[in-house]
Amino acid sequence: MKASAREIELLGERIKSAWRGSGLKQREIAERTSIEPSQVSKICNGKFKTINGHVMQICKFLGVPIDEVPPEDELVDPVWLKIEESVRQLWDKTPEGAEKIANLLESVERLQS
């Protein structure tokens, strides 16, 4: 699949986020996908230069859509992706947890004003 460097960077961030959110060790992904552990490590850490068969296989395994990479001018800022990933790691997936995070962010906003 042909993609720009920026599209590959975005996909790498999505893969990294999905891998961290999965709770799986890279060794487990390697075993389940039959991909060499060194390749799994590179892909799960977003360190790849082309979207090849192994990248596509890991995307499928982790549930990362690769056909939804937006056009270059619609890409999400990598800084925003970092913030989103941090919030997802904090959230315990409960409404109460979401409320706590929202309150925390509102407190930070008030401090910045």
PDB file of N, CA and C in Angstrom:
ATOM      1  N   MET A   1       0.842  -1.173   0.000  1.00  0.00           N
ATOM      2  CA  MET A   1       0.000   0.000   0.000  1.00  0.00           C
ATOM      3  C   MET A   1       0.888   1.238   0.000  1.00  0.00           C
ATOM      4  N   LYS A   2       0.655   2.120  -0.936  1.00  0.00           N
ATOM      5  CA  LYS A   2       1.449   3.331  -1.031  1.00  0.00           C
ATOM      6  C   LYS A   2       0.882   4.374  -0.070  1.00  0.00           C
ATOM      7  N   ALA A   3       1.764   4.978   0.714  1.00  0.00           N
ATOM      8  CA  ALA A   3       1.343   5.993   1.674  1.00  0.00           C
ATOM      9  C   ALA A   3       2.475   6.990   1.868  1.00  0.00           C
ATOM     10  N   SER A   4       2.107   8.203   2.237  1.00  0.00           N
ATOM     11  CA  SER A   4       3.121   9.224   2.504  1.00  0.00           C
ATOM     12  C   SER A   4       3.765   8.953   3.862  1.00  0.00           C
ATOM     13  N   ALA A   5       4.882   9.600   4.096  1.00  0.00           N
ATOM     14  CA  ALA A   5       5.577   9.453   5.381  1.00  0.00           C
ATOM     15  C   ALA A   5       4.659   9.864   6.527  1.00  0.00           C
ATOM     16  N   ARG A   6       3.886  10.898   6.308  1.00  0.00           N
ATOM     17  CA  ARG A   6       2.968  11.392   7.348  1.00  0.00           C
ATOM     18  C   ARG A   6       1.853  10.387   7.618  1.00  0.00           C
ATOM     19  N   GLU A   7       1.327   9.761   6.584  1.00  0.00           N
ATOM     20  CA  GLU A   7       0.290   8.739   6.757  1.00  0.00           C
ATOM     21  C   GLU A   7       0.851   7.530   7.501  1.00  0.00           C
ATOM     22  N   ILE A   8       2.079   7.161   7.184  1.00  0.00           N
ATOM     23  CA  ILE A   8       2.718   6.043   7.873  1.00  0.00           C
ATOM     24  C   ILE A   8       2.939   6.393   9.340  1.00  0.00           C
ATOM     25  N   GLU A   9       3.345   7.628   9.600  1.00  0.00           N
ATOM     26  CA  GLU A   9       3.543   8.075  10.980  1.00  0.00           C
ATOM     27  C   GLU A   9       2.233   7.975  11.768  1.00  0.00           C
ATOM     28  N   LEU A  10       1.136   8.421  11.166  1.00  0.00           N
ATOM     29  CA  LEU A  10      -0.165   8.367  11.822  1.00  0.00           C
ATOM     30  C   LEU A  10      -0.585   6.923  12.080  1.00  0.00           C
ATOM     31  N   LEU A  11      -0.406   6.062  11.096  1.00  0.00           N
ATOM     32  CA  LEU A  11      -0.747   4.656  11.276  1.00  0.00           C
ATOM     33  C   LEU A  11       0.106   4.043  12.380  1.00  0.00           C
ATOM     34  N   GLY A  12       1.383   4.408  12.433  1.00  0.00           N
ATOM     35  CA  GLY A  12       2.263   3.917  13.497  1.00  0.00           C
ATOM     36  C   GLY A  12       1.750   4.306  14.870  1.00  0.00           C
ATOM     37  N   GLU A  13       1.266   5.535  15.008  1.00  0.00           N
ATOM     38  CA  GLU A  13       0.701   5.985  16.282  1.00  0.00           C
ATOM     39  C   GLU A  13      -0.548   5.193  16.642  1.00  0.00           C
ATOM     40  N   ARG A  14      -1.383   4.915  15.638  1.00  0.00           N
ATOM     41  CA  ARG A  14      -2.597   4.129  15.884  1.00  0.00           C
ATOM     42  C   ARG A  14      -2.252   2.713  16.325  1.00  0.00           C
ATOM     43  N   ILE A  15      -1.264   2.120  15.670  1.00  0.00           N
ATOM     44  CA  ILE A  15      -0.844   0.754  16.026  1.00  0.00           C
ATOM     45  C   ILE A  15      -0.301   0.749  17.444  1.00  0.00           C
ATOM     46  N   LYS A  16       0.571   1.706  17.748  1.00  0.00           N
ATOM     47  CA  LYS A  16       1.171   1.772  19.087  1.00  0.00           C
ATOM     48  C   LYS A  16       0.086   1.914  20.154  1.00  0.00           C
ATOM     49  N   SER A  17      -0.872   2.769  19.910  1.00  0.00           N
ATOM     50  CA  SER A  17      -1.961   2.982  20.865  1.00  0.00           C
ATOM     51  C   SER A  17      -2.802   1.716  21.030  1.00  0.00           C
ATOM     52  N   ALA A  18      -3.117   1.050  19.925  1.00  0.00           N
ATOM     53  CA  ALA A  18      -3.915  -0.181  19.981  1.00  0.00           C
ATOM     54  C   ALA A  18      -3.150  -1.282  20.706  1.00  0.00           C
ATOM     55  N   TRP A  19      -1.851  -1.374  20.449  1.00  0.00           N
ATOM     56  CA  TRP A  19      -1.043  -2.400  21.117  1.00  0.00           C
ATOM     57  C   TRP A  19      -1.011  -2.152  22.625  1.00  0.00           C
ATOM     58  N   ARG A  20      -0.744  -0.911  23.026  1.00  0.00           N
ATOM     59  CA  ARG A  20      -0.700  -0.602  24.462  1.00  0.00           C
ATOM     60  C   ARG A  20      -2.050  -0.840  25.118  1.00  0.00           C
ATOM     61  N   GLY A  21      -3.109  -0.502  24.402  1.00  0.00           N
ATOM     62  CA  GLY A  21      -4.450  -0.702  24.942  1.00  0.00           C
ATOM     63  C   GLY A  21      -4.868  -2.163  25.016  1.00  0.00           C
ATOM     64  N   SER A  22      -4.213  -3.001  24.230  1.00  0.00           N
ATOM     65  CA  SER A  22      -4.589  -4.423  24.187  1.00  0.00           C
ATOM     66  C   SER A  22      -4.122  -5.201  25.413  1.00  0.00           C
ATOM     67  N   GLY A  23      -3.078  -4.705  26.061  1.00  0.00           N
ATOM     68  CA  GLY A  23      -2.528  -5.427  27.199  1.00  0.00           C
ATOM     69  C   GLY A  23      -1.685  -6.631  26.812  1.00  0.00           C
ATOM     70  N   LEU A  24      -1.479  -6.833  25.526  1.00  0.00           N
ATOM     71  CA  LEU A  24      -0.683  -7.969  25.050  1.00  0.00           C
ATOM     72  C   LEU A  24       0.800  -7.627  25.024  1.00  0.00           C
ATOM     73  N   LYS A  25       1.608  -8.619  25.267  1.00  0.00           N
ATOM     74  CA  LYS A  25       3.048  -8.456  25.109  1.00  0.00           C
ATOM     75  C   LYS A  25       3.384  -8.676  23.637  1.00  0.00           C
ATOM     76  N   GLN A  26       4.443  -8.028  23.190  1.00  0.00           N
ATOM     77  CA  GLN A  26       4.838  -8.186  21.788  1.00  0.00           C
ATOM     78  C   GLN A  26       5.122  -9.646  21.461  1.00  0.00           C
ATOM     79  N   ARG A  27       5.659 -10.381  22.414  1.00  0.00           N
ATOM     80  CA  ARG A  27       5.941 -11.802  22.217  1.00  0.00           C
ATOM     81  C   ARG A  27       4.654 -12.566  21.902  1.00  0.00           C
ATOM     82  N   GLU A  28       3.554 -12.208  22.583  1.00  0.00           N
ATOM     83  CA  GLU A  28       2.270 -12.867  22.337  1.00  0.00           C
ATOM     84  C   GLU A  28       1.758 -12.554  20.927  1.00  0.00           C
ATOM     85  N   ILE A  29       1.928 -11.307  20.517  1.00  0.00           N
ATOM     86  CA  ILE A  29       1.499 -10.929  19.166  1.00  0.00           C
ATOM     87  C   ILE A  29       2.318 -11.691  18.134  1.00  0.00           C
ATOM     88  N   ALA A  30       3.623 -11.805  18.370  1.00  0.00           N
ATOM     89  CA  ALA A  30       4.499 -12.546  17.454  1.00  0.00           C
ATOM     90  C   ALA A  30       4.048 -14.001  17.339  1.00  0.00           C
ATOM     91  N   GLU A  31       3.738 -14.606  18.470  1.00  0.00           N
ATOM     92  CA  GLU A  31       3.309 -16.007  18.457  1.00  0.00           C
ATOM     93  C   GLU A  31       1.982 -16.184  17.717  1.00  0.00           C
ATOM     94  N   ARG A  32       1.057 -15.274  17.954  1.00  0.00           N
ATOM     95  CA  ARG A  32      -0.286 -15.408  17.365  1.00  0.00           C
ATOM     96  C   ARG A  32      -0.330 -15.043  15.888  1.00  0.00           C
ATOM     97  N   THR A  33       0.609 -14.224  15.443  1.00  0.00           N
ATOM     98  CA  THR A  33       0.608 -13.810  14.034  1.00  0.00           C
ATOM     99  C   THR A  33       1.681 -14.505  13.215  1.00  0.00           C
ATOM    100  N   SER A  34       2.560 -15.244  13.877  1.00  0.00           N
ATOM    101  CA  SER A  34       3.695 -15.914  13.220  1.00  0.00           C
ATOM    102  C   SER A  34       4.623 -14.919  12.524  1.00  0.00           C
ATOM    103  N   ILE A  35       4.768 -13.749  13.114  1.00  0.00           N
ATOM    104  CA  ILE A  35       5.700 -12.739  12.619  1.00  0.00           C
ATOM    105  C   ILE A  35       6.873 -12.691  13.588  1.00  0.00           C
ATOM    106  N   GLU A  36       8.076 -12.549  13.047  1.00  0.00           N
ATOM    107  CA  GLU A  36       9.279 -12.496  13.875  1.00  0.00           C
ATOM    108  C   GLU A  36       9.135 -11.433  14.971  1.00  0.00           C
ATOM    109  N   PRO A  37       9.546 -11.760  16.204  1.00  0.00           N
ATOM    110  CA  PRO A  37       9.434 -10.796  17.305  1.00  0.00           C
ATOM    111  C   PRO A  37      10.097  -9.446  17.029  1.00  0.00           C
ATOM    112  N   SER A  38      11.221  -9.444  16.312  1.00  0.00           N
ATOM    113  CA  SER A  38      11.885  -8.167  16.021  1.00  0.00           C
ATOM    114  C   SER A  38      11.018  -7.294  15.113  1.00  0.00           C
ATOM    115  N   GLN A  39      10.316  -7.925  14.165  1.00  0.00           N
ATOM    116  CA  GLN A  39       9.416  -7.180  13.283  1.00  0.00           C
ATOM    117  C   GLN A  39       8.201  -6.662  14.049  1.00  0.00           C
ATOM    118  N   VAL A  40       7.679  -7.502  14.935  1.00  0.00           N
ATOM    119  CA  VAL A  40       6.536  -7.087  15.757  1.00  0.00           C
ATOM    120  C   VAL A  40       6.928  -5.876  16.598  1.00  0.00           C
ATOM    121  N   SER A  41       8.111  -5.906  17.164  1.00  0.00           N
ATOM    122  CA  SER A  41       8.590  -4.794  17.991  1.00  0.00           C
ATOM    123  C   SER A  41       8.639  -3.501  17.190  1.00  0.00           C
ATOM    124  N   LYS A  42       9.229  -3.562  16.014  1.00  0.00           N
ATOM    125  CA  LYS A  42       9.324  -2.366  15.167  1.00  0.00           C
ATOM    126  C   LYS A  42       7.938  -1.833  14.815  1.00  0.00           C
ATOM    127  N   ILE A  43       7.055  -2.712  14.404  1.00  0.00           N
ATOM    128  CA  ILE A  43       5.723  -2.291  13.965  1.00  0.00           C
ATOM    129  C   ILE A  43       4.914  -1.744  15.140  1.00  0.00           C
ATOM    130  N   CYS A  44       4.934  -2.440  16.280  1.00  0.00           N
ATOM    131  CA  CYS A  44       4.158  -1.992  17.440  1.00  0.00           C
ATOM    132  C   CYS A  44       4.679  -0.677  18.010  1.00  0.00           C
ATOM    133  N   ASN A  45       5.907  -0.351  17.724  1.00  0.00           N
ATOM    134  CA  ASN A  45       6.478   0.917  18.178  1.00  0.00           C
ATOM    135  C   ASN A  45       6.447   1.983  17.087  1.00  0.00           C
ATOM    136  N   GLY A  46       5.762   1.679  15.980  1.00  0.00           N
ATOM    137  CA  GLY A  46       5.605   2.654  14.904  1.00  0.00           C
ATOM    138  C   GLY A  46       6.876   2.924  14.128  1.00  0.00           C
ATOM    139  N   LYS A  47       7.812   1.992  14.136  1.00  0.00           N
ATOM    140  CA  LYS A  47       9.105   2.172  13.463  1.00  0.00           C
ATOM    141  C   LYS A  47       9.154   1.386  12.158  1.00  0.00           C
ATOM    142  N   PHE A  48       8.300   1.753  11.219  1.00  0.00           N
ATOM    143  CA  PHE A  48       8.305   1.115   9.907  1.00  0.00           C
ATOM    144  C   PHE A  48       8.200   2.186   8.843  1.00  0.00           C
ATOM    145  N   LYS A  49       8.661   1.855   7.634  1.00  0.00           N
ATOM    146  CA  LYS A  49       8.723   2.851   6.567  1.00  0.00           C
ATOM    147  C   LYS A  49       7.727   2.609   5.448  1.00  0.00           C
ATOM    148  N   THR A  50       7.207   1.399   5.376  1.00  0.00           N
ATOM    149  CA  THR A  50       6.209   1.075   4.357  1.00  0.00           C
ATOM    150  C   THR A  50       5.092   0.253   4.999  1.00  0.00           C
ATOM    151  N   ILE A  51       3.936   0.291   4.367  1.00  0.00           N
ATOM    152  CA  ILE A  51       2.813  -0.515   4.848  1.00  0.00           C
ATOM    153  C   ILE A  51       2.858  -1.830   4.076  1.00  0.00           C
ATOM    154  N   ASN A  52       3.562  -2.795   4.671  1.00  0.00           N
ATOM    155  CA  ASN A  52       3.750  -4.090   4.013  1.00  0.00           C
ATOM    156  C   ASN A  52       2.799  -5.135   4.619  1.00  0.00           C
ATOM    157  N   GLY A  53       2.963  -6.364   4.214  1.00  0.00           N
ATOM    158  CA  GLY A  53       2.095  -7.445   4.678  1.00  0.00           C
ATOM    159  C   GLY A  53       2.110  -7.627   6.179  1.00  0.00           C
ATOM    160  N   HIS A  54       3.270  -7.521   6.804  1.00  0.00           N
ATOM    161  CA  HIS A  54       3.348  -7.682   8.259  1.00  0.00           C
ATOM    162  C   HIS A  54       2.626  -6.553   8.978  1.00  0.00           C
ATOM    163  N   VAL A  55       2.775  -5.331   8.496  1.00  0.00           N
ATOM    164  CA  VAL A  55       2.072  -4.190   9.094  1.00  0.00           C
ATOM    165  C   VAL A  55       0.569  -4.414   8.975  1.00  0.00           C
ATOM    166  N   MET A  56       0.127  -4.826   7.805  1.00  0.00           N
ATOM    167  CA  MET A  56      -1.299  -5.059   7.583  1.00  0.00           C
ATOM    168  C   MET A  56      -1.821  -6.191   8.470  1.00  0.00           C
ATOM    169  N   GLN A  57      -1.018  -7.224   8.647  1.00  0.00           N
ATOM    170  CA  GLN A  57      -1.422  -8.352   9.476  1.00  0.00           C
ATOM    171  C   GLN A  57      -1.566  -7.924  10.936  1.00  0.00           C
ATOM    172  N   ILE A  58      -0.633  -7.128  11.435  1.00  0.00           N
ATOM    173  CA  ILE A  58      -0.709  -6.664  12.817  1.00  0.00           C
ATOM    174  C   ILE A  58      -1.873  -5.688  12.985  1.00  0.00           C
ATOM    175  N   CYS A  59      -2.105  -4.847  11.986  1.00  0.00           N
ATOM    176  CA  CYS A  59      -3.267  -3.959  12.037  1.00  0.00           C
ATOM    177  C   CYS A  59      -4.546  -4.777  12.171  1.00  0.00           C
ATOM    178  N   LYS A  60      -4.669  -5.793  11.362  1.00  0.00           N
ATOM    179  CA  LYS A  60      -5.861  -6.641  11.406  1.00  0.00           C
ATOM    180  C   LYS A  60      -5.976  -7.313  12.771  1.00  0.00           C
ATOM    181  N   PHE A  61      -4.865  -7.831  13.280  1.00  0.00           N
ATOM    182  CA  PHE A  61      -4.865  -8.523  14.574  1.00  0.00           C
ATOM    183  C   PHE A  61      -5.292  -7.586  15.702  1.00  0.00           C
ATOM    184  N   LEU A  62      -4.800  -6.329  15.669  1.00  0.00           N
ATOM    185  CA  LEU A  62      -5.104  -5.358  16.723  1.00  0.00           C
ATOM    186  C   LEU A  62      -6.386  -4.568  16.467  1.00  0.00           C
ATOM    187  N   GLY A  63      -6.999  -4.788  15.308  1.00  0.00           N
ATOM    188  CA  GLY A  63      -8.232  -4.078  14.989  1.00  0.00           C
ATOM    189  C   GLY A  63      -8.021  -2.636  14.572  1.00  0.00           C
ATOM    190  N   VAL A  64      -6.862  -2.360  13.982  1.00  0.00           N
ATOM    191  CA  VAL A  64      -6.554  -1.006  13.513  1.00  0.00           C
ATOM    192  C   VAL A  64      -6.920  -0.925  12.033  1.00  0.00           C
ATOM    193  N   PRO A  65      -7.893  -0.086  11.673  1.00  0.00           N
ATOM    194  CA  PRO A  65      -8.262   0.017  10.258  1.00  0.00           C
ATOM    195  C   PRO A  65      -7.171   0.719   9.454  1.00  0.00           C
ATOM    196  N   ILE A  66      -6.730   0.092   8.378  1.00  0.00           N
ATOM    197  CA  ILE A  66      -5.702   0.728   7.550  1.00  0.00           C
ATOM    198  C   ILE A  66      -6.297   1.399   6.335  1.00  0.00           C
ATOM    199  N   ASP A  67      -7.532   1.080   6.028  1.00  0.00           N
ATOM    200  CA  ASP A  67      -8.160   1.710   4.876  1.00  0.00           C
ATOM    201  C   ASP A  67      -8.815   3.033   5.239  1.00  0.00           C
ATOM    202  N   GLU A  68      -8.661   3.451   6.498  1.00  0.00           N
ATOM    203  CA  GLU A  68      -9.244   4.706   6.939  1.00  0.00           C
ATOM    204  C   GLU A  68      -8.196   5.795   7.149  1.00  0.00           C
ATOM    205  N   VAL A  69      -7.024   5.620   6.567  1.00  0.00           N
ATOM    206  CA  VAL A  69      -6.009   6.667   6.674  1.00  0.00           C
ATOM    207  C   VAL A  69      -6.493   7.850   5.855  1.00  0.00           C
ATOM    208  N   PRO A  70      -6.719   8.984   6.509  1.00  0.00           N
ATOM    209  CA  PRO A  70      -7.268  10.125   5.782  1.00  0.00           C
ATOM    210  C   PRO A  70      -6.252  10.740   4.834  1.00  0.00           C
ATOM    211  N   PRO A  71      -6.718  11.542   3.885  1.00  0.00           N
ATOM    212  CA  PRO A  71      -5.783  12.241   3.002  1.00  0.00           C
ATOM    213  C   PRO A  71      -4.831  13.112   3.820  1.00  0.00           C
ATOM    214  N   GLU A  72      -3.676  13.380   3.254  1.00  0.00           N
ATOM    215  CA  GLU A  72      -2.611  14.119   3.930  1.00  0.00           C
ATOM    216  C   GLU A  72      -3.102  15.392   4.611  1.00  0.00           C
ATOM    217  N   ASP A  73      -3.998  16.141   3.973  1.00  0.00           N
ATOM    218  CA  ASP A  73      -4.432  17.414   4.549  1.00  0.00           C
ATOM    219  C   ASP A  73      -5.448  17.257   5.677  1.00  0.00           C
ATOM    220  N   GLU A  74      -5.894  16.030   5.950  1.00  0.00           N
ATOM    221  CA  GLU A  74      -6.842  15.799   7.028  1.00  0.00           C
ATOM    222  C   GLU A  74      -6.233  15.027   8.193  1.00  0.00           C
ATOM    223  N   LEU A  75      -4.928  14.847   8.194  1.00  0.00           N
ATOM    224  CA  LEU A  75      -4.291  14.065   9.242  1.00  0.00           C
ATOM    225  C   LEU A  75      -4.370  14.768  10.585  1.00  0.00           C
ATOM    226  N   VAL A  76      -4.493  13.961  11.634  1.00  0.00           N
ATOM    227  CA  VAL A  76      -4.553  14.478  12.988  1.00  0.00           C
ATOM    228  C   VAL A  76      -3.141  14.824  13.458  1.00  0.00           C
ATOM    229  N   ASP A  77      -3.040  15.915  14.169  1.00  0.00           N
ATOM    230  CA  ASP A  77      -1.775  16.365  14.721  1.00  0.00           C
ATOM    231  C   ASP A  77      -1.216  15.298  15.663  1.00  0.00           C
ATOM    232  N   PRO A  78       0.058  14.891  15.507  1.00  0.00           N
ATOM    233  CA  PRO A  78       0.642  13.875  16.382  1.00  0.00           C
ATOM    234  C   PRO A  78       0.648  14.291  17.851  1.00  0.00           C
ATOM    235  N   VAL A  79       0.713  15.588  18.116  1.00  0.00           N
ATOM    236  CA  VAL A  79       0.671  16.057  19.502  1.00  0.00           C
ATOM    237  C   VAL A  79      -0.697  15.738  20.103  1.00  0.00           C
ATOM    238  N   TRP A  80      -1.764  15.944  19.318  1.00  0.00           N
ATOM    239  CA  TRP A  80      -3.100  15.608  19.798  1.00  0.00           C
ATOM    240  C   TRP A  80      -3.222  14.105  20.043  1.00  0.00           C
ATOM    241  N   LEU A  81      -2.637  13.283  19.170  1.00  0.00           N
ATOM    242  CA  LEU A  81      -2.675  11.836  19.365  1.00  0.00           C
ATOM    243  C   LEU A  81      -2.017  11.440  20.680  1.00  0.00           C
ATOM    244  N   LYS A  82      -0.933  12.121  21.036  1.00  0.00           N
ATOM    245  CA  LYS A  82      -0.249  11.856  22.304  1.00  0.00           C
ATOM    246  C   LYS A  82      -1.172  12.166  23.481  1.00  0.00           C
ATOM    247  N   ILE A  83      -1.873  13.299  23.402  1.00  0.00           N
ATOM    248  CA  ILE A  83      -2.803  13.671  24.461  1.00  0.00           C
ATOM    249  C   ILE A  83      -3.928  12.633  24.554  1.00  0.00           C
ATOM    250  N   GLU A  84      -4.470  12.265  23.399  1.00  0.00           N
ATOM    251  CA  GLU A  84      -5.558  11.286  23.382  1.00  0.00           C
ATOM    252  C   GLU A  84      -5.112   9.955  23.979  1.00  0.00           C
ATOM    253  N   GLU A  85      -3.914   9.517  23.630  1.00  0.00           N
ATOM    254  CA  GLU A  85      -3.393   8.259  24.166  1.00  0.00           C
ATOM    255  C   GLU A  85      -3.252   8.338  25.680  1.00  0.00           C
ATOM    256  N   SER A  86      -2.765   9.465  26.193  1.00  0.00           N
ATOM    257  CA  SER A  86      -2.605   9.639  27.639  1.00  0.00           C
ATOM    258  C   SER A  86      -3.946   9.580  28.351  1.00  0.00           C
ATOM    259  N   VAL A  87      -4.949  10.229  27.790  1.00  0.00           N
ATOM    260  CA  VAL A  87      -6.277  10.208  28.402  1.00  0.00           C
ATOM    261  C   VAL A  87      -6.835   8.788  28.397  1.00  0.00           C
ATOM    262  N   ARG A  88      -6.647   8.081  27.293  1.00  0.00           N
ATOM    263  CA  ARG A  88      -7.148   6.700  27.216  1.00  0.00           C
ATOM    264  C   ARG A  88      -6.481   5.808  28.260  1.00  0.00           C
ATOM    265  N   GLN A  89      -5.200   6.038  28.526  1.00  0.00           N
ATOM    266  CA  GLN A  89      -4.499   5.240  29.526  1.00  0.00           C
ATOM    267  C   GLN A  89      -5.016   5.544  30.935  1.00  0.00           C
ATOM    268  N   LEU A  90      -5.426   6.783  31.177  1.00  0.00           N
ATOM    269  CA  LEU A  90      -5.961   7.161  32.490  1.00  0.00           C
ATOM    270  C   LEU A  90      -7.362   6.615  32.730  1.00  0.00           C
ATOM    271  N   TRP A  91      -8.153   6.523  31.683  1.00  0.00           N
ATOM    272  CA  TRP A  91      -9.556   6.190  31.809  1.00  0.00           C
ATOM    273  C   TRP A  91      -9.781   4.715  32.118  1.00  0.00           C
ATOM    274  N   ASP A  92     -10.583   4.449  33.133  1.00  0.00           N
ATOM    275  CA  ASP A  92     -10.906   3.065  33.509  1.00  0.00           C
ATOM    276  C   ASP A  92     -12.159   2.537  32.801  1.00  0.00           C
ATOM    277  N   LYS A  93     -12.629   3.274  31.800  1.00  0.00           N
ATOM    278  CA  LYS A  93     -13.772   2.899  30.959  1.00  0.00           C
ATOM    279  C   LYS A  93     -15.095   2.881  31.717  1.00  0.00           C
ATOM    280  N   THR A  94     -15.196   3.729  32.741  1.00  0.00           N
ATOM    281  CA  THR A  94     -16.451   3.881  33.457  1.00  0.00           C
ATOM    282  C   THR A  94     -16.923   5.326  33.306  1.00  0.00           C
ATOM    283  N   PRO A  95     -18.233   5.564  33.425  1.00  0.00           N
ATOM    284  CA  PRO A  95     -18.720   6.951  33.378  1.00  0.00           C
ATOM    285  C   PRO A  95     -18.112   7.805  34.494  1.00  0.00           C
ATOM    286  N   GLU A  96     -17.920   7.199  35.659  1.00  0.00           N
ATOM    287  CA  GLU A  96     -17.329   7.935  36.779  1.00  0.00           C
ATOM    288  C   GLU A  96     -15.894   8.331  36.469  1.00  0.00           C
ATOM    289  N   GLY A  97     -15.160   7.403  35.872  1.00  0.00           N
ATOM    290  CA  GLY A  97     -13.770   7.694  35.492  1.00  0.00           C
ATOM    291  C   GLY A  97     -13.704   8.802  34.451  1.00  0.00           C
ATOM    292  N   ALA A  98     -14.630   8.797  33.502  1.00  0.00           N
ATOM    293  CA  ALA A  98     -14.673   9.850  32.478  1.00  0.00           C
ATOM    294  C   ALA A  98     -14.944  11.198  33.131  1.00  0.00           C
ATOM    295  N   GLU A  99     -15.855  11.213  34.094  1.00  0.00           N
ATOM    296  CA  GLU A  99     -16.185  12.454  34.793  1.00  0.00           C
ATOM    297  C   GLU A  99     -14.966  12.986  35.559  1.00  0.00           C
ATOM    298  N   LYS A 100     -14.231  12.101  36.204  1.00  0.00           N
ATOM    299  CA  LYS A 100     -13.033  12.515  36.946  1.00  0.00           C
ATOM    300  C   LYS A 100     -11.989  13.135  36.014  1.00  0.00           C
ATOM    301  N   ILE A 101     -11.774  12.500  34.862  1.00  0.00           N
ATOM    302  CA  ILE A 101     -10.799  13.030  33.904  1.00  0.00           C
ATOM    303  C   ILE A 101     -11.262  14.376  33.366  1.00  0.00           C
ATOM    304  N   ALA A 102     -12.556  14.499  33.067  1.00  0.00           N
ATOM    305  CA  ALA A 102     -13.091  15.770  32.579  1.00  0.00           C
ATOM    306  C   ALA A 102     -12.897  16.869  33.628  1.00  0.00           C
ATOM    307  N   ASN A 103     -13.168  16.544  34.883  1.00  0.00           N
ATOM    308  CA  ASN A 103     -12.974  17.523  35.961  1.00  0.00           C
ATOM    309  C   ASN A 103     -11.502  17.919  36.085  1.00  0.00           C
ATOM    310  N   LEU A 104     -10.626  16.953  35.960  1.00  0.00           N
ATOM    311  CA  LEU A 104      -9.189  17.232  36.033  1.00  0.00           C
ATOM    312  C   LEU A 104      -8.770  18.177  34.914  1.00  0.00           C
ATOM    313  N   LEU A 105      -9.218  17.901  33.701  1.00  0.00           N
ATOM    314  CA  LEU A 105      -8.873  18.757  32.562  1.00  0.00           C
ATOM    315  C   LEU A 105      -9.456  20.165  32.712  1.00  0.00           C
ATOM    316  N   GLU A 106     -10.653  20.251  33.253  1.00  0.00           N
ATOM    317  CA  GLU A 106     -11.242  21.574  33.490  1.00  0.00           C
ATOM    318  C   GLU A 106     -10.441  22.333  34.535  1.00  0.00           C
ATOM    319  N   SER A 107      -9.908  21.644  35.536  1.00  0.00           N
ATOM    320  CA  SER A 107      -9.061  22.285  36.547  1.00  0.00           C
ATOM    321  C   SER A 107      -7.771  22.813  35.914  1.00  0.00           C
ATOM    322  N   VAL A 108      -7.196  22.022  35.039  1.00  0.00           N
ATOM    323  CA  VAL A 108      -5.978  22.451  34.330  1.00  0.00           C
ATOM    324  C   VAL A 108      -6.279  23.682  33.484  1.00  0.00           C
ATOM    325  N   GLU A 109      -7.435  23.685  32.811  1.00  0.00           N
ATOM    326  CA  GLU A 109      -7.820  24.830  31.988  1.00  0.00           C
ATOM    327  C   GLU A 109      -7.935  26.098  32.846  1.00  0.00           C
ATOM    328  N   ARG A 110      -8.539  25.959  34.023  1.00  0.00           N
ATOM    329  CA  ARG A 110      -8.684  27.124  34.917  1.00  0.00           C
ATOM    330  C   ARG A 110      -7.307  27.642  35.366  1.00  0.00           C
ATOM    331  N   LEU A 111      -6.378  26.744  35.602  1.00  0.00           N
ATOM    332  CA  LEU A 111      -5.020  27.154  36.004  1.00  0.00           C
ATOM    333  C   LEU A 111      -4.312  27.901  34.895  1.00  0.00           C
ATOM    334  N   GLN A 112      -4.588  27.541  33.654  1.00  0.00           N
ATOM    335  CA  GLN A 112      -3.929  28.177  32.523  1.00  0.00           C
ATOM    336  C   GLN A 112      -4.511  29.551  32.192  1.00  0.00           C
ATOM    337  N   SER A 113      -5.704  29.822  32.668  1.00  0.00           N
ATOM    338  CA  SER A 113      -6.372  31.096  32.363  1.00  0.00           C
ATOM    339  C   SER A 113      -5.807  32.240  33.167  1.00  0.00           C
TER     340      SER A 113
END
